[in-house]
Protein backbone atom coordinates (compact mmCIF):
# COMPACT_ATOMS: atom_id res chain seq x y z
CA MET A 1 -20.37 -3.66 -8.70
CA TYR A 2 -16.64 -2.86 -8.47
CA LYS A 3 -14.47 -3.53 -11.50
CA HIS A 4 -10.99 -2.45 -10.37
CA ILE A 5 -9.82 -2.50 -6.75
CA LEU A 6 -6.66 -0.82 -5.52
CA ILE A 7 -5.24 -2.77 -2.58
CA ALA A 8 -2.76 -0.73 -0.55
CA THR A 9 -0.35 -2.62 1.69
CA ASP A 10 2.68 -2.01 3.86
CA GLY A 11 3.43 -5.69 4.39
CA ALA A 12 2.32 -5.79 8.02
CA PRO A 13 0.35 -8.88 9.12
CA LEU A 14 -2.92 -6.94 9.20
CA SER A 15 -2.24 -5.65 5.68
CA SER A 16 -1.57 -9.19 4.50
CA HIS A 17 -4.91 -10.25 5.97
CA ALA A 18 -6.59 -7.34 4.13
CA ILE A 19 -4.99 -8.46 0.85
CA GLY A 20 -6.55 -11.90 1.25
CA LYS A 21 -9.98 -10.46 2.00
CA ALA A 22 -9.82 -7.93 -0.84
CA MET A 23 -8.62 -10.59 -3.31
CA THR A 24 -11.59 -12.78 -2.37
CA LEU A 25 -13.92 -9.81 -2.85
CA ALA A 26 -12.36 -9.14 -6.26
CA LYS A 27 -12.80 -12.78 -7.27
CA ASP A 28 -16.45 -12.78 -6.18
CA MET A 29 -17.11 -9.56 -8.15
CA GLY A 30 -15.06 -10.48 -11.19
CA ALA A 31 -12.85 -7.44 -10.60
CA LYS A 32 -9.19 -6.92 -11.31
CA VAL A 33 -6.79 -5.58 -8.69
CA THR A 34 -3.79 -3.33 -8.47
CA VAL A 35 -1.69 -3.95 -5.37
CA LEU A 36 0.33 -0.95 -4.26
CA THR A 37 3.07 -0.61 -1.71
CA CYS A 38 4.59 2.75 -0.99
CA THR A 39 8.07 3.36 0.39
CA GLU A 40 8.88 6.65 1.97
CA PRO A 41 12.10 8.43 1.07
CA LEU A 42 14.89 8.32 3.62
CA ARG A 43 15.27 11.59 5.46
CA ILE A 44 18.80 12.39 6.64
CA PHE A 45 19.64 15.59 8.43
CA SER A 46 23.43 15.51 8.59
CA LEU A 47 26.23 13.14 7.74
CA GLU A 48 29.34 13.24 5.64
CA PRO A 49 28.43 13.31 1.91
CA GLU A 50 29.95 9.87 1.30
CA GLN A 51 27.99 8.39 4.21
CA VAL A 52 24.77 9.93 2.95
CA ALA A 53 25.22 8.35 -0.50
CA ARG A 54 25.94 4.90 0.98
CA THR A 55 23.10 5.19 3.50
CA ILE A 56 20.56 6.23 0.86
CA ASN A 57 21.67 3.46 -1.51
CA ASN A 58 21.46 0.85 1.28
CA TYR A 59 18.03 2.11 2.33
CA LYS A 60 16.69 2.06 -1.23
CA GLU A 61 18.05 -1.43 -1.82
CA GLU A 62 16.46 -2.81 1.36
CA ALA A 63 13.16 -0.98 0.75
CA SER A 64 13.04 -2.38 -2.79
CA LYS A 65 13.70 -5.93 -1.55
CA GLN A 66 10.92 -5.61 1.02
CA ALA A 67 8.50 -4.18 -1.56
CA HIS A 68 9.38 -7.01 -3.94
CA ARG A 69 8.58 -9.62 -1.23
CA ILE A 70 5.26 -7.92 -0.37
CA LEU A 71 4.18 -7.67 -4.00
CA ALA A 72 5.32 -11.21 -4.89
CA ALA A 73 3.13 -12.60 -2.11
CA ALA A 74 0.17 -10.57 -3.38
CA ARG A 75 0.74 -11.77 -6.97
CA GLN A 76 0.88 -15.35 -5.76
CA GLU A 77 -2.42 -14.96 -3.89
CA ALA A 78 -4.05 -13.41 -6.98
CA GLU A 79 -2.81 -16.26 -9.16
CA MET A 80 -4.20 -18.86 -6.76
CA LEU A 81 -7.62 -17.16 -6.89
CA GLY A 82 -7.51 -16.41 -10.61
CA VAL A 83 -7.74 -12.64 -10.07
CA PRO A 84 -6.10 -10.38 -12.68
CA CYS A 85 -3.44 -8.49 -10.76
CA GLU A 86 -0.99 -5.70 -11.38
CA THR A 87 1.56 -4.76 -8.72
CA LEU A 88 3.18 -1.42 -8.20
CA GLU A 89 5.84 0.06 -5.93
CA VAL A 90 6.10 3.83 -5.57
CA GLU A 91 8.29 6.10 -3.48
CA HIS A 92 6.43 9.02 -1.99
CA GLY A 93 6.80 11.15 1.12
CA HIS A 94 3.06 10.94 1.83
CA PRO A 95 1.74 7.41 1.24
CA HIS A 96 -1.92 8.44 1.41
CA GLU A 97 -1.38 10.82 -1.49
CA ALA A 98 0.32 8.07 -3.51
CA ILE A 99 -2.57 5.70 -2.80
CA ILE A 100 -5.22 8.19 -3.89
CA ALA A 101 -3.25 9.30 -6.95
CA THR A 102 -2.60 5.72 -8.05
CA ALA A 103 -6.28 4.83 -7.68
CA ALA A 104 -7.17 7.77 -9.92
CA GLU A 105 -4.43 7.02 -12.49
CA LYS A 106 -5.41 3.36 -12.74
CA GLY A 107 -9.16 4.04 -12.87
CA CYS A 108 -9.91 2.14 -9.68
CA ASP A 109 -13.41 2.33 -8.27
CA LEU A 110 -12.55 1.04 -4.76
CA ILE A 111 -9.56 1.29 -2.43
CA ALA A 112 -9.08 -1.56 0.05
CA MET A 113 -6.61 -1.36 2.91
CA ALA A 114 -6.06 -2.30 6.54
CA SER A 115 -6.46 -0.20 9.62
CA HIS A 116 -3.75 -0.77 12.16
CA GLY A 117 -6.13 0.01 14.98
CA ARG A 118 -3.92 2.40 16.92
CA ARG A 119 -5.72 4.05 19.78
CA GLY A 120 -5.15 6.90 22.16
CA VAL A 121 -2.03 9.04 22.00
CA SER A 122 -0.22 6.80 19.50
CA ALA A 123 -3.07 7.28 17.01
CA ILE A 124 -2.88 11.04 17.40
CA VAL A 125 0.92 11.29 17.29
CA LEU A 126 1.60 8.69 14.61
CA GLY A 127 -1.47 9.45 12.56
CA SER A 128 -2.96 6.95 10.20
CA GLU A 129 -2.49 6.63 6.48
CA THR A 130 -5.84 4.83 6.40
CA LEU A 131 -7.57 7.76 8.06
CA LYS A 132 -5.91 10.16 5.63
CA VAL A 133 -7.08 8.07 2.66
CA LEU A 134 -10.60 7.95 4.12
CA THR A 135 -10.56 11.72 4.60
CA HIS A 136 -9.27 12.66 1.15
CA SER A 137 -10.42 9.92 -1.23
CA LYS A 138 -13.19 10.67 -3.70
CA ILE A 139 -13.84 6.97 -4.30
CA PRO A 140 -15.08 4.42 -1.74
CA VAL A 141 -12.58 3.01 0.73
CA LEU A 142 -13.01 -0.42 2.30
CA VAL A 143 -11.09 -0.78 5.58
CA TYR A 144 -10.26 -4.18 7.04
CA ARG A 145 -9.49 -4.62 10.74
């Protein structure tokens, strides 16, 4: 049915659970996967120019280390299951846009991701990248809870 699944993750425990489920689905379907993690750019409003440069460099270094850990764990899971896997880290101010664009660029026919299950005011204020992907994606989206 599905041949190429994009798995979006932020490294949270629920996202890690979704990776496992989506990898198993891919194995059962004989599909390949692309695992994507998206880091948002650091937004700084005012600091001394030297501080800004150091802060941005520190942020990028830490974000890259975290992305590397997330993607390494996904690659390891794919290897254990024998699922062909590509990993990708992108920086984008709107993760849902990066997820949808990557799915299109890679020719994916399914997006799999976790829902963090926020409710009430926090869901309204914080929003949900999953909801945004569901709203804007032109391909099917599988949400794990």
